[in-house]
Amino acid sequence: MSETTSNASEGVRADMEAMIEQAGGHEAFAKSWREYDELFRQFVRKEKSLRQQYPDQFVALAPGDVLVVGDTLDEVRQRLEEKGIARGQAIIDFLDVNSGPLVV
C-alpha cells in the first residue's frame, strides 16, 4: 500500500472514530444507524405516493412519521429546525416528477 493510500485510510478511520464518539460510542452509533436505515426504508415505501401528492416539492420525513413539505430546501430545513428535528434525523428529497430520487 502506498503512503498516500495509507494516509487516506488513516484519515477515514479517524473520521469514523470521531463520528462514533460524537454519537456516544459504538452501540449508540449502531442504534442511530439502524434508525436512519429504517427511516430511509419508510421513505422509499412512501416515495411514489409522496411524489404524486407533492410534485416538484421538497419533502422531509423524520422519526414519528413527521412529514415536512416546502417549495425550497431552506424552507424545509427551517421547518425541521422549528420542530426541533436535526437535519441528520430526517430524510430530505426533492420530488421531481421527471426523475428519480435525489436524497439530501
C-alpha atoms as a PDB file:
ATOM      1  CA  MET A   1       0.000   0.000   0.000  1.00  0.00           C
ATOM      2  CA  SER A   2       1.360   3.416  -0.901  1.00  0.00           C
ATOM      3  CA  GLU A   3       1.960   6.070   1.710  1.00  0.00           C
ATOM      4  CA  THR A   4      -0.793   8.242   0.172  1.00  0.00           C
ATOM      5  CA  THR A   5      -3.326   5.389   0.377  1.00  0.00           C
ATOM      6  CA  SER A   6      -2.254   4.616   3.927  1.00  0.00           C
ATOM      7  CA  ASN A   7      -2.678   8.263   4.967  1.00  0.00           C
ATOM      8  CA  ALA A   8      -6.111   8.417   3.321  1.00  0.00           C
ATOM      9  CA  SER A   9      -7.184   5.230   5.116  1.00  0.00           C
ATOM     10  CA  GLU A  10      -5.988   6.621   8.434  1.00  0.00           C
ATOM     11  CA  GLY A  11      -7.945   9.825   7.766  1.00  0.00           C
ATOM     12  CA  VAL A  12     -11.147   7.902   7.012  1.00  0.00           C
ATOM     13  CA  ARG A  13     -10.636   5.778  10.117  1.00  0.00           C
ATOM     14  CA  ALA A  14     -10.114   8.889  12.254  1.00  0.00           C
ATOM     15  CA  ASP A  15     -13.276  10.471  10.802  1.00  0.00           C
ATOM     16  CA  MET A  16     -15.302   7.327  11.557  1.00  0.00           C
ATOM     17  CA  GLU A  17     -13.962   7.132  15.104  1.00  0.00           C
ATOM     18  CA  ALA A  18     -14.884  10.800  15.625  1.00  0.00           C
ATOM     19  CA  MET A  19     -18.429  10.142  14.342  1.00  0.00           C
ATOM     20  CA  ILE A  20     -18.779   7.138  16.640  1.00  0.00           C
ATOM     21  CA  GLU A  21     -17.514   9.119  19.616  1.00  0.00           C
ATOM     22  CA  GLN A  22     -19.851  12.018  18.794  1.00  0.00           C
ATOM     23  CA  ALA A  23     -22.794   9.587  18.649  1.00  0.00           C
ATOM     24  CA  GLY A  24     -21.992   8.342  22.159  1.00  0.00           C
ATOM     25  CA  GLY A  25     -19.997   5.207  21.378  1.00  0.00           C
ATOM     26  CA  HIS A  26     -20.261   2.151  19.178  1.00  0.00           C
ATOM     27  CA  GLU A  27     -23.650   0.928  20.432  1.00  0.00           C
ATOM     28  CA  ALA A  28     -25.267   4.357  20.197  1.00  0.00           C
ATOM     29  CA  PHE A  29     -23.830   4.795  16.694  1.00  0.00           C
ATOM     30  CA  ALA A  30     -25.170   1.390  15.610  1.00  0.00           C
ATOM     31  CA  LYS A  31     -28.613   2.213  17.056  1.00  0.00           C
ATOM     32  CA  SER A  32     -28.635   5.571  15.270  1.00  0.00           C
ATOM     33  CA  TRP A  33     -27.620   3.894  12.004  1.00  0.00           C
ATOM     34  CA  ARG A  34     -30.426   1.298  12.321  1.00  0.00           C
ATOM     35  CA  GLU A  35     -32.981   4.055  12.983  1.00  0.00           C
ATOM     36  CA  TYR A  36     -31.786   6.030   9.958  1.00  0.00           C
ATOM     37  CA  ASP A  37     -31.878   2.889   7.807  1.00  0.00           C
ATOM     38  CA  GLU A  38     -35.480   2.197   8.859  1.00  0.00           C
ATOM     39  CA  LEU A  39     -36.455   5.812   8.172  1.00  0.00           C
ATOM     40  CA  PHE A  40     -34.894   5.581   4.712  1.00  0.00           C
ATOM     41  CA  ARG A  41     -36.819   2.358   4.032  1.00  0.00           C
ATOM     42  CA  GLN A  42     -40.068   4.083   5.110  1.00  0.00           C
ATOM     43  CA  PHE A  43     -39.305   6.926   2.747  1.00  0.00           C
ATOM     44  CA  VAL A  44     -38.698   4.544  -0.148  1.00  0.00           C
ATOM     45  CA  ARG A  45     -42.016   2.791   0.556  1.00  0.00           C
ATOM     46  CA  LYS A  46     -43.867   6.131   0.566  1.00  0.00           C
ATOM     47  CA  GLU A  47     -41.964   7.837  -2.229  1.00  0.00           C
ATOM     48  CA  LYS A  48     -44.390   7.099  -5.072  1.00  0.00           C
ATOM     49  CA  SER A  49     -47.422   8.435  -3.226  1.00  0.00           C
ATOM     50  CA  LEU A  50     -45.454  11.416  -1.900  1.00  0.00           C
ATOM     51  CA  ARG A  51     -44.327  12.217  -5.443  1.00  0.00           C
ATOM     52  CA  GLN A  52     -47.990  12.188  -6.540  1.00  0.00           C
ATOM     53  CA  GLN A  53     -49.156  14.309  -3.587  1.00  0.00           C
ATOM     54  CA  TYR A  54     -46.265  16.799  -3.592  1.00  0.00           C
ATOM     55  CA  PRO A  55     -44.864  17.024  -7.137  1.00  0.00           C
ATOM     56  CA  ASP A  56     -41.842  19.284  -7.559  1.00  0.00           C
ATOM     57  CA  GLN A  57     -41.693  19.968  -3.817  1.00  0.00           C
ATOM     58  CA  PHE A  58     -39.058  19.303  -1.187  1.00  0.00           C
ATOM     59  CA  VAL A  59     -40.208  16.854   1.474  1.00  0.00           C
ATOM     60  CA  ALA A  60     -38.635  15.626   4.682  1.00  0.00           C
ATOM     61  CA  LEU A  61     -39.585  12.506   6.597  1.00  0.00           C
ATOM     62  CA  ALA A  62     -38.482  12.403  10.228  1.00  0.00           C
ATOM     63  CA  PRO A  63     -38.952   9.868  13.019  1.00  0.00           C
ATOM     64  CA  GLY A  64     -42.503   9.581  14.292  1.00  0.00           C
ATOM     65  CA  ASP A  65     -43.862   9.851  10.756  1.00  0.00           C
ATOM     66  CA  VAL A  66     -43.260  13.619  10.767  1.00  0.00           C
ATOM     67  CA  LEU A  67     -43.609  14.968   7.223  1.00  0.00           C
ATOM     68  CA  VAL A  68     -42.466  18.464   6.247  1.00  0.00           C
ATOM     69  CA  VAL A  69     -43.145  19.893   2.785  1.00  0.00           C
ATOM     70  CA  GLY A  70     -41.836  23.094   1.212  1.00  0.00           C
ATOM     71  CA  ASP A  71     -41.009  24.839  -2.032  1.00  0.00           C
ATOM     72  CA  THR A  72     -37.313  25.189  -1.168  1.00  0.00           C
ATOM     73  CA  LEU A  73     -34.705  23.174   0.695  1.00  0.00           C
ATOM     74  CA  ASP A  74     -34.146  26.108   3.052  1.00  0.00           C
ATOM     75  CA  GLU A  75     -37.865  26.219   3.868  1.00  0.00           C
ATOM     76  CA  VAL A  76     -37.904  22.511   4.734  1.00  0.00           C
ATOM     77  CA  ARG A  77     -34.735  22.810   6.824  1.00  0.00           C
ATOM     78  CA  GLN A  78     -36.211  25.783   8.716  1.00  0.00           C
ATOM     79  CA  ARG A  79     -39.445  23.896   9.446  1.00  0.00           C
ATOM     80  CA  LEU A  80     -37.466  20.898  10.688  1.00  0.00           C
ATOM     81  CA  GLU A  81     -35.459  23.188  12.944  1.00  0.00           C
ATOM     82  CA  GLU A  82     -38.680  24.770  14.275  1.00  0.00           C
ATOM     83  CA  LYS A  83     -39.886  21.268  15.173  1.00  0.00           C
ATOM     84  CA  GLY A  84     -36.603  20.556  16.960  1.00  0.00           C
ATOM     85  CA  ILE A  85     -35.517  17.978  14.387  1.00  0.00           C
ATOM     86  CA  ALA A  86     -31.834  17.974  13.456  1.00  0.00           C
ATOM     87  CA  ARG A  87     -31.002  17.806   9.751  1.00  0.00           C
ATOM     88  CA  GLY A  88     -29.342  14.403  10.185  1.00  0.00           C
ATOM     89  CA  GLN A  89     -32.515  12.959  11.703  1.00  0.00           C
ATOM     90  CA  ALA A  90     -34.614  13.405   8.560  1.00  0.00           C
ATOM     91  CA  ILE A  91     -34.648  12.133   5.011  1.00  0.00           C
ATOM     92  CA  ILE A  92     -34.979  15.110   2.655  1.00  0.00           C
ATOM     93  CA  ASP A  93     -35.775  14.741  -1.031  1.00  0.00           C
ATOM     94  CA  PHE A  94     -36.906  16.871  -3.947  1.00  0.00           C
ATOM     95  CA  LEU A  95     -39.827  15.097  -5.602  1.00  0.00           C
ATOM     96  CA  ASP A  96     -39.073  15.933  -9.220  1.00  0.00           C
ATOM     97  CA  VAL A  97     -41.883  14.466 -11.318  1.00  0.00           C
ATOM     98  CA  ASN A  98     -39.483  13.998 -14.241  1.00  0.00           C
ATOM     99  CA  SER A  99     -36.745  11.995 -12.499  1.00  0.00           C
ATOM    100  CA  GLY A 100     -35.917   9.618  -9.663  1.00  0.00           C
ATOM    101  CA  PRO A 101     -34.921  10.384  -6.081  1.00  0.00           C
ATOM    102  CA  LEU A 102     -32.231  12.866  -5.081  1.00  0.00           C
ATOM    103  CA  VAL A 103     -31.875  12.300  -1.357  1.00  0.00           C
ATOM    104  CA  VAL A 104     -30.107  15.067   0.565  1.00  0.00           C
END
